[in-house]
Amino acid sequence: MKRILVRISALSVGLLAAGAIVFAVWRITLRPPVSQAFTGGRVLTMNDADDMAQAVLLRRDRIVAVGSDEEILSMAGPGTVFHDLAGRTLVPGLIDAHGHFPGTAMFNANVDLASPPVGDLDNIAQGIERLAERAAATPDGEWVLGFRYDDTLLADGRHFTRHDLDRASTSHLVLVVHVSGHLAVANTMALDQLGITADTPDPEGGIIRREADGRTPDGVLEETAARPMMKRFMKFSPLKGLAMLREAAHEYVAQGVTTAQSGLTPAALLAGIATLSKLGVIPLRVEAWPDEEAARLWLAGDLDLDNNNTGLFKAGPIKLVADGSIQGFTGYLSEPYHTPFNGDPDYRGYPHKPAEQLAELVTSIHVAGRQLAIHGNGDASIDDILDAVEAALLQRPDPDPRVILIHAQMARHDQLKRMKELGVTPSFFVAHTWYWGDRHYEIFMGPERAQRISPLREAADLGLRYTIHLDSPVVPMTPMLLLETAVRRVTSGGRVLGGGKQDGIDTGSDQRVTPREALRAMTIDAAWQIHAETERGSIEVGKLADLAVLSAGPDEVAPELIRDITVEMTIVGGRVVYEGARTR
């Protein structure tokens, strides 16, 4: 029965393509030119030797030559389409090492509650006003959604509550999602629909926050307590789903991204994205990471995760979540938070599930032969993850498991060494230094621990291969800003975190990396992390022609100007999918 239900769900999601048939037929018939040449620029190959070249020759969707202008021009035959780089820089297409495609479009379509530096929300009253305006334009009984609020940046210094959201509307289901994506706040109507009352117990791995009486829900739902509510609103009509995918795809390719990642993907969404990818509606590659529920269906034999894999779509590692968010006070630490949470000086956050359960689940997936990607922010959670991986490897030894440790935000030096020993590879959300660095320093971690957020240099010096990511839509898809944060580690308030000595002031151990190292973490190392290094991630003969043309190389501008580098062309499989301000 489960197999039948999954197939029915996959077929229903496939109806997303209904409004795109004519367009899809046109896309399927579209093919890249037989031959293309890029000449007159700087080519950062990202190969093992980190070579530079001047020009590249393509045949259909593959790279067939890399070398000097003279060499490529001598090889180009009749009908070759020439692209003059005019001194610009050609790099491998950027690979989204961790994110939630097409979530950016979902955020954009709803009420923006972001505070600076992303948005302009100053206080809760402004947020209520924006939500009320959306409610006035929305039929009663439907959802009114807001995203990216940050309690630490609001003048009120607190989360929204159900009473705040009731002021926006009592005739709509109102939900606002924290910038971390790990907490949400529901109004009274939404709580009632989900059946959350004073008698509802906290779920494992989550908390229903209560009012002063200790029983009545105040509307704030942490971690697994928020998940059922989020699943309720993440159901879209076929046309709306199609529009969101197209909008997100445009946003990604306009930033030079040729492989997007859909992390923590439920089975139905896997099928939907795969179908639209096959139809040619999505102009870039998508790496989808099934969620725990999909993993359990797969383990039970009720879901085939690989039947939809193509050159443009792949179901990759199973993604598990071991803890929450540091900025949401739900990340699981070995030492208490710098600022006591709710006045508790011993509070350290909490895991999503007991260490024994995590180890059992990790072992079952690893023994079944699937790669794993596990979310872990706090160092106590990272300990649990590494213990679980070690237990799994005892059951089925693997010299190269490439278990991805997502975020690894507060990884200690001893944990980095252990990752190297176990074959675990971290993916760092280093953009935290820009977006939340000041609050980590002042509120969450304190001056000493905050310096070591996302310890890239330590990982590199240990020979530990890593990637960097934006976790979009948690923050906007801005890869050049990501690259700059890895190089500079400067907060939005101007503070340096982990930058060695700056102007005579010791900012802690130097965790900065070079522009080339950061670019590798977004290209070849990101490809390696998902076992795709033989196909993409570098500009080498035989590899897929996934490329991006940059206005300048990140290694030839001042570090503080890296974010201003623009993407002028994006090529996926030899096909130009973005040029200037136009997605093809």
Protein backbone atom coordinates (compact mmCIF):
# COMPACT_ATOMS: atom_id res chain seq x y z
CA MET A 1 0.00 0.00 0.00
CA LYS A 2 2.78 2.45 0.85
CA ARG A 3 4.38 1.86 -2.55
CA ILE A 4 1.04 2.60 -4.25
CA LEU A 5 0.54 5.79 -2.22
CA VAL A 6 4.02 7.03 -3.05
CA ARG A 7 3.43 6.35 -6.76
CA ILE A 8 0.09 8.16 -6.66
CA SER A 9 1.74 11.10 -4.89
CA ALA A 10 4.51 11.20 -7.48
CA LEU A 11 1.98 11.15 -10.31
CA SER A 12 -0.06 13.96 -8.77
CA VAL A 13 3.00 16.12 -8.34
CA GLY A 14 3.91 15.41 -11.94
CA LEU A 15 0.83 17.44 -12.91
CA LEU A 16 2.94 20.52 -12.18
CA ALA A 17 3.99 20.20 -15.82
CA ALA A 18 0.45 20.66 -17.12
CA GLY A 19 0.83 24.37 -17.74
CA ALA A 20 4.22 24.04 -19.41
CA ILE A 21 3.78 21.48 -22.20
CA VAL A 22 4.27 23.79 -25.16
CA PHE A 23 7.19 25.49 -23.47
CA ALA A 24 8.72 22.12 -22.52
CA VAL A 25 8.55 20.76 -26.06
CA TRP A 26 10.45 23.82 -27.27
CA ARG A 27 13.07 23.36 -24.55
CA ILE A 28 13.55 19.68 -25.33
CA THR A 29 14.23 20.45 -28.97
CA LEU A 30 16.72 23.19 -28.04
CA ARG A 31 20.31 21.99 -28.20
CA PRO A 32 23.61 23.76 -27.63
CA PRO A 33 25.68 24.70 -30.68
CA VAL A 34 27.83 21.92 -32.07
CA SER A 35 30.99 23.90 -31.29
CA GLN A 36 31.70 26.93 -29.11
CA ALA A 37 34.92 28.68 -28.20
CA PHE A 38 35.63 31.06 -25.32
CA THR A 39 38.76 33.09 -25.95
CA GLY A 40 40.58 36.20 -24.78
CA GLY A 41 40.20 35.87 -21.06
CA ARG A 42 41.40 34.27 -17.84
CA VAL A 43 40.29 30.69 -17.31
CA LEU A 44 40.46 29.46 -13.71
CA THR A 45 40.34 25.73 -14.31
CA MET A 46 40.16 24.56 -10.67
CA ASN A 47 41.95 21.37 -11.74
CA ASP A 48 44.32 19.55 -9.37
CA ALA A 49 47.21 21.83 -10.32
CA ASP A 50 44.99 24.93 -10.16
CA ASP A 51 46.13 25.86 -13.68
CA MET A 52 45.13 28.98 -15.56
CA ALA A 53 44.42 29.14 -19.29
CA GLN A 54 43.16 31.64 -21.87
CA ALA A 55 40.56 29.76 -23.83
CA VAL A 56 38.20 26.77 -23.90
CA LEU A 57 36.60 24.79 -26.74
CA LEU A 58 33.26 22.98 -26.38
CA ARG A 59 31.60 20.29 -28.47
CA ARG A 60 27.90 20.12 -27.63
CA ASP A 61 27.75 19.61 -23.84
CA ARG A 62 31.42 18.73 -23.23
CA ILE A 63 34.75 20.48 -22.88
CA VAL A 64 37.12 19.23 -25.57
CA ALA A 65 40.11 21.55 -25.21
CA VAL A 66 41.62 23.99 -22.71
CA GLY A 67 44.65 26.11 -23.57
CA SER A 68 45.90 29.29 -25.17
CA ASP A 69 43.95 31.44 -27.62
CA GLU A 70 46.17 30.22 -30.45
CA GLU A 71 45.62 26.57 -29.60
CA ILE A 72 41.84 26.89 -29.36
CA LEU A 73 41.54 29.00 -32.52
CA SER A 74 43.53 26.40 -34.46
CA MET A 75 41.14 23.67 -33.32
CA ALA A 76 37.88 25.54 -33.92
CA GLY A 77 36.17 24.33 -37.05
CA PRO A 78 33.56 25.84 -39.37
CA GLY A 79 30.35 26.86 -37.61
CA THR A 80 32.02 27.40 -34.24
CA VAL A 81 30.27 30.03 -32.13
CA PHE A 82 32.87 32.37 -30.62
CA HIS A 83 32.54 34.13 -27.28
CA ASP A 84 35.08 36.89 -26.67
CA LEU A 85 35.80 37.01 -22.95
CA ALA A 86 37.52 40.39 -23.43
CA GLY A 87 39.68 39.92 -20.36
CA ARG A 88 36.89 38.58 -18.19
CA THR A 89 37.22 35.39 -16.12
CA LEU A 90 35.77 32.00 -16.99
CA VAL A 91 35.20 29.65 -14.03
CA PRO A 92 33.49 26.29 -13.56
CA GLY A 93 29.76 26.64 -12.94
CA LEU A 94 29.13 27.22 -9.25
CA ILE A 95 27.70 24.33 -7.24
CA ASP A 96 25.25 25.02 -4.43
CA ALA A 97 26.77 22.82 -1.74
CA HIS A 98 23.75 23.14 0.52
CA GLY A 99 20.43 24.92 0.13
CA HIS A 100 16.72 24.46 -0.33
CA PHE A 101 15.84 25.07 -3.98
CA PRO A 102 13.29 26.46 -4.89
CA GLY A 103 12.77 28.04 -1.46
CA THR A 104 13.97 31.49 -2.47
CA ALA A 105 10.91 31.89 -4.70
CA MET A 106 8.58 30.82 -1.89
CA PHE A 107 10.10 33.44 0.40
CA ASN A 108 9.88 36.11 -2.30
CA ALA A 109 6.19 35.40 -2.89
CA ASN A 110 5.19 36.01 0.72
CA VAL A 111 5.57 38.72 3.36
CA ASP A 112 9.18 39.83 3.83
CA LEU A 113 10.00 40.18 7.54
CA ALA A 114 13.78 40.38 7.19
CA SER A 115 15.76 43.01 9.08
CA PRO A 116 18.99 44.65 7.89
CA PRO A 117 21.30 43.75 6.20
CA VAL A 118 18.82 41.67 4.16
CA GLY A 119 15.57 43.60 4.67
CA ASP A 120 14.22 46.67 6.46
CA LEU A 121 11.93 45.42 9.25
CA ASP A 122 12.64 47.27 12.51
CA ASN A 123 9.98 46.05 14.92
CA ILE A 124 7.06 43.70 15.49
CA ALA A 125 4.44 46.41 14.87
CA GLN A 126 5.76 46.88 11.33
CA GLY A 127 5.59 43.14 10.80
CA ILE A 128 1.97 42.99 11.98
CA GLU A 129 1.09 45.82 9.60
CA ARG A 130 2.64 43.98 6.64
CA LEU A 131 0.88 40.74 7.54
CA ALA A 132 -2.46 42.55 7.96
CA GLU A 133 -2.09 44.11 4.50
CA ARG A 134 -1.52 40.67 2.99
CA ALA A 135 -4.48 39.26 4.93
CA ALA A 136 -6.75 42.02 3.59
CA ALA A 137 -5.94 40.84 0.05
CA THR A 138 -6.33 37.13 0.87
CA PRO A 139 -9.59 35.12 1.13
CA ASP A 140 -10.59 34.17 4.66
CA GLY A 141 -9.36 30.80 5.86
CA GLU A 142 -6.23 30.78 3.69
CA TRP A 143 -2.58 31.09 4.72
CA VAL A 144 -0.82 34.38 5.32
CA LEU A 145 2.91 33.67 5.51
CA GLY A 146 5.91 35.72 6.56
CA PHE A 147 9.56 34.76 6.38
CA ARG A 148 13.01 35.69 7.71
CA TYR A 149 12.14 37.53 10.89
CA ASP A 150 15.06 37.73 13.34
CA ASP A 151 14.14 38.34 16.98
CA THR A 152 17.67 39.52 17.79
CA LEU A 153 17.41 42.34 15.22
CA LEU A 154 13.94 43.59 16.17
CA ALA A 155 13.72 46.60 18.48
CA ASP A 156 11.32 44.54 20.63
CA GLY A 157 14.09 41.99 21.29
CA ARG A 158 11.68 39.04 21.17
CA HIS A 159 9.80 36.66 18.92
CA PHE A 160 6.32 37.30 17.57
CA THR A 161 3.57 35.56 19.60
CA ARG A 162 0.16 34.22 18.64
CA HIS A 163 -1.36 37.38 20.12
CA ASP A 164 0.75 39.53 17.78
CA LEU A 165 -0.32 37.46 14.79
CA ASP A 166 -3.98 37.55 15.91
CA ARG A 167 -3.73 41.33 15.56
CA ALA A 168 -2.85 40.77 11.90
CA SER A 169 -5.82 38.45 11.38
CA THR A 170 -8.09 36.06 13.25
CA SER A 171 -9.79 34.83 10.07
CA HIS A 172 -6.63 33.61 8.34
CA LEU A 173 -4.03 30.97 9.12
CA VAL A 174 -1.06 33.19 9.93
CA LEU A 175 2.44 31.77 10.24
CA VAL A 176 5.82 33.51 10.33
CA VAL A 177 9.07 31.58 9.97
CA HIS A 178 12.27 32.55 11.77
CA VAL A 179 15.27 33.48 9.64
CA SER A 180 16.98 30.24 10.68
CA GLY A 181 14.10 28.15 9.36
CA HIS A 182 14.14 26.23 12.65
CA LEU A 183 11.35 28.09 14.47
CA ALA A 184 7.94 29.38 13.45
CA VAL A 185 5.14 31.34 15.10
CA ALA A 186 1.45 30.58 14.50
CA ASN A 187 -1.66 32.58 15.30
CA THR A 188 -4.49 31.09 17.35
CA MET A 189 -6.43 29.90 14.29
CA ALA A 190 -3.41 28.04 12.91
CA LEU A 191 -2.67 26.45 16.30
CA ASP A 192 -6.28 25.32 16.56
CA GLN A 193 -6.20 23.76 13.09
CA LEU A 194 -3.13 21.76 13.98
CA GLY A 195 -4.68 20.76 17.32
CA ILE A 196 -1.99 22.36 19.48
CA THR A 197 -3.50 23.06 22.91
CA ALA A 198 -2.38 23.44 26.51
CA ASP A 199 -2.52 19.65 26.77
CA THR A 200 -0.32 18.97 23.73
CA PRO A 201 3.06 17.55 24.85
CA ASP A 202 6.32 18.72 23.32
CA PRO A 203 7.35 16.40 20.49
CA GLU A 204 10.73 14.69 20.55
CA GLY A 205 13.31 17.13 19.26
CA GLY A 206 11.05 20.17 19.56
CA ILE A 207 9.40 22.56 22.00
CA ILE A 208 6.01 24.26 22.10
CA ARG A 209 6.75 27.47 23.97
CA ARG A 210 4.23 28.39 26.66
CA GLU A 211 2.80 31.52 28.24
CA ALA A 212 3.35 32.56 31.86
CA ASP A 213 0.96 29.88 33.14
CA GLY A 214 3.38 27.24 31.83
CA ARG A 215 0.66 25.52 29.79
CA THR A 216 -0.96 27.75 27.16
CA PRO A 217 0.98 27.79 23.85
CA ASP A 218 2.33 31.27 23.08
CA GLY A 219 2.56 30.48 19.35
CA VAL A 220 6.32 29.89 19.08
CA LEU A 221 7.15 26.41 17.81
CA GLU A 222 10.72 25.13 17.88
CA GLU A 223 12.25 22.54 15.56
CA THR A 224 10.10 19.40 15.17
CA ALA A 225 7.13 21.19 16.79
CA ALA A 226 7.08 23.57 13.80
CA ARG A 227 7.48 20.94 11.10
CA PRO A 228 3.84 19.76 10.81
CA MET A 229 2.70 23.38 10.46
CA MET A 230 5.27 24.06 7.74
CA LYS A 231 4.17 20.95 5.80
CA ARG A 232 0.59 22.28 5.81
CA PHE A 233 1.42 25.43 3.85
CA MET A 234 3.98 23.83 1.53
CA LYS A 235 1.29 22.59 -0.86
CA PHE A 236 0.96 24.51 -4.08
CA SER A 237 -1.17 24.43 -7.18
CA PRO A 238 0.60 23.08 -10.29
CA LEU A 239 0.86 26.53 -11.87
CA LYS A 240 2.13 28.16 -8.68
CA GLY A 241 4.70 25.42 -8.19
CA LEU A 242 5.86 25.79 -11.78
CA ALA A 243 6.17 29.57 -11.41
CA MET A 244 8.20 29.18 -8.21
CA LEU A 245 10.61 26.75 -9.84
CA ARG A 246 11.13 29.05 -12.81
CA GLU A 247 11.68 32.10 -10.60
CA ALA A 248 14.17 30.30 -8.36
CA ALA A 249 16.01 28.85 -11.37
CA HIS A 250 16.41 32.34 -12.85
CA GLU A 251 17.75 33.64 -9.55
CA TYR A 252 20.32 30.82 -9.38
CA VAL A 253 21.62 30.93 -12.95
CA ALA A 254 21.85 34.73 -12.74
CA GLN A 255 24.39 34.12 -9.96
CA GLY A 256 26.44 31.60 -11.96
CA VAL A 257 24.99 28.54 -10.21
CA THR A 258 24.78 25.53 -12.51
CA THR A 259 23.91 22.92 -9.85
CA ALA A 260 21.25 23.78 -7.28
CA GLN A 261 20.53 21.73 -4.21
CA SER A 262 17.16 20.89 -2.73
CA GLY A 263 18.02 19.74 0.76
CA LEU A 264 15.63 17.89 3.08
CA THR A 265 13.31 17.08 0.17
CA PRO A 266 10.10 15.09 0.77
CA ALA A 267 9.26 12.26 -1.62
CA ALA A 268 6.48 14.14 -3.45
CA LEU A 269 8.69 17.16 -4.15
CA LEU A 270 11.46 14.85 -5.36
CA ALA A 271 9.10 13.46 -7.98
CA GLY A 272 7.84 16.91 -8.98
CA ILE A 273 11.26 18.45 -9.48
CA ALA A 274 12.46 15.36 -11.33
CA THR A 275 9.50 15.50 -13.72
CA LEU A 276 9.97 19.17 -14.54
CA SER A 277 13.71 18.66 -14.91
CA LYS A 278 13.09 15.94 -17.50
CA LEU A 279 10.75 18.26 -19.37
CA GLY A 280 13.49 20.87 -19.61
CA VAL A 281 11.60 23.46 -17.55
CA ILE A 282 14.45 23.87 -15.04
CA PRO A 283 17.52 25.31 -16.82
CA LEU A 284 20.13 23.99 -14.38
CA ARG A 285 21.07 20.76 -12.64
CA VAL A 286 19.33 19.87 -9.37
CA GLU A 287 20.81 17.72 -6.62
CA ALA A 288 17.94 16.70 -4.31
CA TRP A 289 18.65 15.33 -0.82
CA PRO A 290 15.74 13.20 0.45
CA ASP A 291 14.49 13.86 3.98
CA GLU A 292 14.22 11.35 6.81
CA GLU A 293 10.67 10.34 5.90
CA ALA A 294 11.73 9.60 2.32
CA ALA A 295 14.70 7.68 3.70
CA ARG A 296 12.46 5.45 5.79
CA LEU A 297 10.25 4.75 2.76
CA TRP A 298 13.39 3.88 0.80
CA LEU A 299 14.68 1.58 3.55
CA ALA A 300 11.31 -0.16 3.63
CA GLY A 301 11.42 -0.70 -0.13
CA ASP A 302 8.47 1.62 -0.76
CA LEU A 303 10.38 4.32 -2.64
CA ASP A 304 12.92 4.10 -5.44
CA LEU A 305 15.17 7.11 -5.02
CA ASP A 306 17.07 6.60 -8.25
CA ASN A 307 14.40 5.92 -10.86
CA ASN A 308 14.26 9.61 -11.84
CA ASN A 309 17.99 10.29 -12.00
CA THR A 310 19.14 11.99 -15.22
CA GLY A 311 22.00 14.24 -16.23
CA LEU A 312 20.01 17.20 -14.89
CA PHE A 313 18.45 15.64 -11.78
CA LYS A 314 19.82 13.37 -9.10
CA ALA A 315 18.55 12.14 -5.75
CA GLY A 316 21.69 12.44 -3.65
CA PRO A 317 22.57 11.78 -0.01
CA ILE A 318 19.89 11.28 2.62
CA LYS A 319 19.72 14.40 4.78
CA LEU A 320 19.19 14.03 8.52
CA VAL A 321 18.92 16.79 11.13
CA ALA A 322 20.74 16.31 14.43
CA ASP A 323 20.16 19.71 16.09
CA GLY A 324 18.84 23.17 15.39
CA SER A 325 20.08 26.72 14.95
CA ILE A 326 22.57 28.66 17.07
CA GLN A 327 20.74 31.95 16.43
CA GLY A 328 17.50 30.26 17.43
CA PHE A 329 19.04 28.93 20.68
CA THR A 330 18.26 25.39 19.50
CA GLY A 331 21.75 24.38 18.41
CA TYR A 332 23.18 21.74 20.76
CA LEU A 333 26.40 22.90 22.49
CA SER A 334 28.86 21.27 24.87
CA GLU A 335 29.09 24.51 26.89
CA PRO A 336 26.22 26.91 27.72
CA TYR A 337 25.22 29.79 25.50
CA HIS A 338 27.05 33.05 26.21
CA THR A 339 23.82 34.87 27.10
CA PRO A 340 21.69 32.61 29.32
CA PHE A 341 18.56 31.55 27.48
CA ASN A 342 15.44 32.44 29.50
CA GLY A 343 17.75 33.13 32.44
CA ASP A 344 19.14 29.59 32.52
CA PRO A 345 22.96 29.81 32.76
CA ASP A 346 23.30 26.06 32.05
CA TYR A 347 21.20 25.97 28.88
CA ARG A 348 23.02 24.28 25.97
CA GLY A 349 20.25 23.68 23.43
CA TYR A 350 19.14 20.15 22.60
CA PRO A 351 19.41 17.37 19.99
CA HIS A 352 16.61 16.36 17.62
CA LYS A 353 16.82 12.78 18.81
CA PRO A 354 18.84 10.84 21.40
CA ALA A 355 22.35 9.90 20.33
CA GLU A 356 21.46 6.20 20.30
CA GLN A 357 18.56 6.75 17.90
CA LEU A 358 20.69 8.90 15.62
CA ALA A 359 23.37 6.19 15.52
CA GLU A 360 20.80 3.51 14.66
CA LEU A 361 19.35 5.56 11.82
CA VAL A 362 22.75 6.54 10.43
CA THR A 363 23.89 2.92 10.55
CA SER A 364 20.79 1.62 8.78
CA ILE A 365 21.17 4.12 5.92
CA HIS A 366 24.93 3.62 5.61
CA VAL A 367 24.67 -0.19 5.67
CA ALA A 368 22.01 0.05 2.95
CA GLY A 369 24.57 1.84 0.76
CA ARG A 370 23.35 5.44 0.72
CA GLN A 371 25.52 8.51 1.23
CA LEU A 372 24.56 10.65 4.22
CA ALA A 373 24.41 14.39 4.87
CA ILE A 374 23.74 15.38 8.48
CA HIS A 375 22.91 18.83 9.82
CA GLY A 376 24.93 19.72 12.91
CA ASN A 377 25.59 23.24 14.23
CA GLY A 378 26.59 22.90 17.88
CA ASP A 379 29.70 21.00 18.91
CA ALA A 380 27.71 18.61 21.15
CA SER A 381 25.62 17.71 18.13
CA ILE A 382 28.78 17.24 16.06
CA ASP A 383 30.03 14.80 18.71
CA ASP A 384 26.80 12.81 18.35
CA ILE A 385 27.12 12.80 14.56
CA LEU A 386 30.73 11.63 14.58
CA ASP A 387 29.90 8.91 17.11
CA ALA A 388 27.06 7.77 14.86
CA VAL A 389 29.30 7.70 11.77
CA GLU A 390 31.95 5.73 13.64
CA ALA A 391 29.32 3.18 14.73
CA ALA A 392 28.07 2.90 11.14
CA LEU A 393 31.56 2.34 9.78
CA LEU A 394 32.09 -0.48 12.26
CA GLN A 395 29.08 -2.21 10.72
CA ARG A 396 30.15 -1.55 7.11
CA PRO A 397 33.71 -0.27 6.68
CA ASP A 398 34.19 2.28 3.90
CA PRO A 399 37.49 4.04 3.24
CA ASP A 400 35.72 6.94 1.52
CA PRO A 401 32.19 7.42 2.91
CA ARG A 402 32.09 11.20 2.29
CA VAL A 403 29.50 11.75 4.99
CA ILE A 404 28.66 15.45 4.70
CA LEU A 405 28.44 17.36 7.98
CA ILE A 406 26.22 20.31 7.12
CA HIS A 407 27.09 23.69 8.69
CA ALA A 408 29.61 22.30 11.23
CA GLN A 409 29.40 25.78 12.66
CA MET A 410 31.04 25.31 16.06
CA ALA A 411 33.33 22.42 15.13
CA ARG A 412 36.29 22.15 17.53
CA HIS A 413 39.82 21.38 16.36
CA ASP A 414 39.66 17.85 17.77
CA GLN A 415 36.43 17.29 15.86
CA LEU A 416 37.98 18.44 12.59
CA LYS A 417 40.78 15.91 13.12
CA ARG A 418 38.23 13.21 13.81
CA MET A 419 36.31 14.12 10.65
CA LYS A 420 39.49 13.59 8.66
CA GLU A 421 40.00 10.17 10.27
CA LEU A 422 36.40 9.03 9.64
CA GLY A 423 36.04 10.33 6.09
CA VAL A 424 33.55 13.03 7.07
CA THR A 425 33.54 16.22 4.98
CA PRO A 426 32.14 19.49 6.39
CA SER A 427 30.12 22.07 4.47
CA PHE A 428 30.48 25.40 6.25
CA PHE A 429 27.85 28.13 6.34
CA VAL A 430 30.64 30.72 6.52
CA ALA A 431 28.30 33.55 5.48
CA HIS A 432 27.24 33.47 9.14
CA THR A 433 30.21 35.72 9.81
CA TRP A 434 28.51 38.48 7.79
CA TYR A 435 24.86 37.95 8.67
CA TRP A 436 25.03 36.92 12.36
CA GLY A 437 28.67 37.40 13.35
CA ASP A 438 28.00 40.35 15.63
CA ARG A 439 25.21 38.54 17.49
CA HIS A 440 27.37 35.43 17.84
CA TYR A 441 30.06 37.61 19.38
CA GLU A 442 27.72 39.52 21.70
CA ILE A 443 24.84 37.12 22.39
CA PHE A 444 25.15 33.48 21.37
CA MET A 445 28.78 32.37 21.59
CA GLY A 446 30.71 35.22 23.16
CA PRO A 447 34.00 36.74 21.94
CA GLU A 448 36.19 33.64 22.17
CA ARG A 449 34.00 30.98 20.58
CA ALA A 450 32.65 33.37 17.94
CA GLN A 451 36.12 33.73 16.42
CA ARG A 452 36.08 30.07 15.40
CA ILE A 453 32.73 29.99 13.61
CA SER A 454 33.21 27.96 10.42
CA PRO A 455 36.93 27.18 10.90
CA LEU A 456 37.93 26.97 7.24
CA ARG A 457 41.65 27.56 7.67
CA GLU A 458 41.98 24.87 10.34
CA ALA A 459 40.16 22.41 8.08
CA ALA A 460 42.40 23.30 5.13
CA ASP A 461 45.57 22.99 7.17
CA LEU A 462 44.48 19.53 8.30
CA GLY A 463 43.96 18.47 4.68
CA LEU A 464 40.23 18.14 5.35
CA ARG A 465 38.28 18.73 2.16
CA TYR A 466 35.32 21.06 2.72
CA THR A 467 32.72 23.18 0.93
CA ILE A 468 30.95 26.46 1.70
CA HIS A 469 27.29 27.31 1.19
CA LEU A 470 24.52 29.89 1.71
CA ASP A 471 21.67 27.64 2.88
CA SER A 472 19.34 29.70 0.67
CA PRO A 473 16.63 30.81 1.27
CA VAL A 474 17.91 31.32 4.83
CA VAL A 475 20.01 34.04 3.21
CA PRO A 476 19.82 35.26 -0.42
CA MET A 477 21.59 33.36 -3.20
CA THR A 478 24.68 35.62 -3.46
CA PRO A 479 27.72 33.39 -4.11
CA MET A 480 30.18 36.27 -4.48
CA LEU A 481 29.27 37.52 -1.00
CA LEU A 482 29.75 33.95 0.26
CA LEU A 483 33.19 33.84 -1.32
CA GLU A 484 34.08 37.20 0.21
CA THR A 485 33.05 36.11 3.71
CA ALA A 486 35.39 33.12 3.46
CA VAL A 487 38.23 35.46 2.49
CA ARG A 488 37.56 38.40 4.85
CA ARG A 489 35.39 37.11 7.75
CA VAL A 490 34.02 40.58 8.37
CA THR A 491 30.61 41.02 10.02
CA SER A 492 27.90 43.38 8.79
CA GLY A 493 28.88 45.59 11.73
CA GLY A 494 32.53 45.74 10.62
CA ARG A 495 33.98 43.36 13.20
CA VAL A 496 36.55 40.75 12.09
CA LEU A 497 35.97 37.20 13.34
CA GLY A 498 38.92 34.84 13.09
CA GLY A 499 41.11 37.08 10.99
CA GLY A 500 44.38 36.91 12.91
CA LYS A 501 45.72 40.31 13.94
CA GLN A 502 43.83 43.23 12.43
CA ASP A 503 45.21 46.72 13.12
CA GLY A 504 47.15 45.35 16.06
CA ILE A 505 44.08 43.69 17.58
CA ASP A 506 44.06 39.90 17.96
CA THR A 507 40.80 38.59 16.47
CA GLY A 508 41.62 34.97 17.26
CA SER A 509 43.19 32.27 15.14
CA ASP A 510 43.22 33.18 11.46
CA GLN A 511 40.43 31.22 9.78
CA ARG A 512 40.55 33.11 6.47
CA VAL A 513 41.25 31.37 3.17
CA THR A 514 42.42 32.68 -0.21
CA PRO A 515 40.01 33.54 -3.03
CA ARG A 516 41.17 30.50 -5.01
CA GLU A 517 40.61 28.21 -2.01
CA ALA A 518 37.13 29.63 -1.49
CA LEU A 519 36.31 29.20 -5.18
CA ARG A 520 37.44 25.56 -5.05
CA ALA A 521 35.01 25.04 -2.16
CA MET A 522 32.21 26.23 -4.48
CA THR A 523 33.27 24.25 -7.55
CA ILE A 524 35.49 21.16 -7.65
CA ASP A 525 35.31 20.37 -3.94
CA ALA A 526 31.53 20.81 -4.01
CA ALA A 527 31.42 18.37 -6.94
CA TRP A 528 33.68 15.93 -5.09
CA GLN A 529 31.49 16.07 -2.02
CA ILE A 530 28.56 14.60 -3.99
CA HIS A 531 30.66 12.13 -6.04
CA ALA A 532 30.39 14.29 -9.19
CA GLU A 533 34.04 15.34 -9.52
CA THR A 534 34.61 13.30 -12.68
CA GLU A 535 31.77 15.13 -14.46
CA ARG A 536 31.84 18.75 -13.25
CA GLY A 537 33.44 21.24 -10.90
CA SER A 538 36.52 22.05 -12.99
CA ILE A 539 37.33 23.11 -16.53
CA GLU A 540 39.00 20.00 -17.92
CA VAL A 541 38.77 18.00 -21.11
CA GLY A 542 35.91 15.52 -21.05
CA LYS A 543 33.90 17.25 -18.35
CA LEU A 544 30.46 18.76 -18.74
CA ALA A 545 30.43 22.30 -20.11
CA ASP A 546 29.02 23.92 -16.96
CA LEU A 547 30.62 27.36 -16.88
CA ALA A 548 30.21 30.94 -15.65
CA VAL A 549 31.68 34.16 -17.02
CA LEU A 550 32.58 36.66 -14.29
CA SER A 551 33.26 40.36 -14.72
CA ALA A 552 36.53 39.76 -12.84
CA GLY A 553 38.28 36.95 -11.04
CA PRO A 554 37.94 36.85 -7.24
CA ASP A 555 41.73 36.66 -7.09
CA GLU A 556 42.29 39.90 -9.03
CA VAL A 557 40.19 42.40 -7.06
CA ALA A 558 40.53 43.75 -3.52
CA PRO A 559 38.90 41.36 -1.01
CA GLU A 560 36.23 43.91 -0.07
CA LEU A 561 35.22 44.17 -3.75
CA ILE A 562 34.63 40.45 -4.34
CA ARG A 563 30.91 40.80 -3.63
CA ASP A 564 30.65 43.33 -6.46
CA ILE A 565 31.80 40.83 -9.10
CA THR A 566 28.95 40.20 -11.51
CA VAL A 567 27.98 37.09 -13.45
CA GLU A 568 27.67 37.94 -17.14
CA MET A 569 26.95 34.52 -18.61
CA THR A 570 26.02 31.07 -17.30
CA ILE A 571 26.34 27.90 -19.37
CA VAL A 572 24.82 24.53 -18.43
CA GLY A 573 25.82 21.58 -20.58
CA GLY A 574 27.06 23.89 -23.33
CA ARG A 575 23.78 25.81 -23.46
CA VAL A 576 23.81 29.49 -22.54
CA VAL A 577 21.04 29.71 -19.93
CA TYR A 578 21.76 33.24 -18.72
CA GLU A 579 23.31 36.23 -20.41
CA GLY A 580 23.16 39.77 -19.11
CA ALA A 581 19.78 40.10 -17.44
CA ARG A 582 18.10 37.38 -19.46
CA THR A 583 17.41 33.74 -18.64
CA ARG A 584 17.00 31.53 -21.70
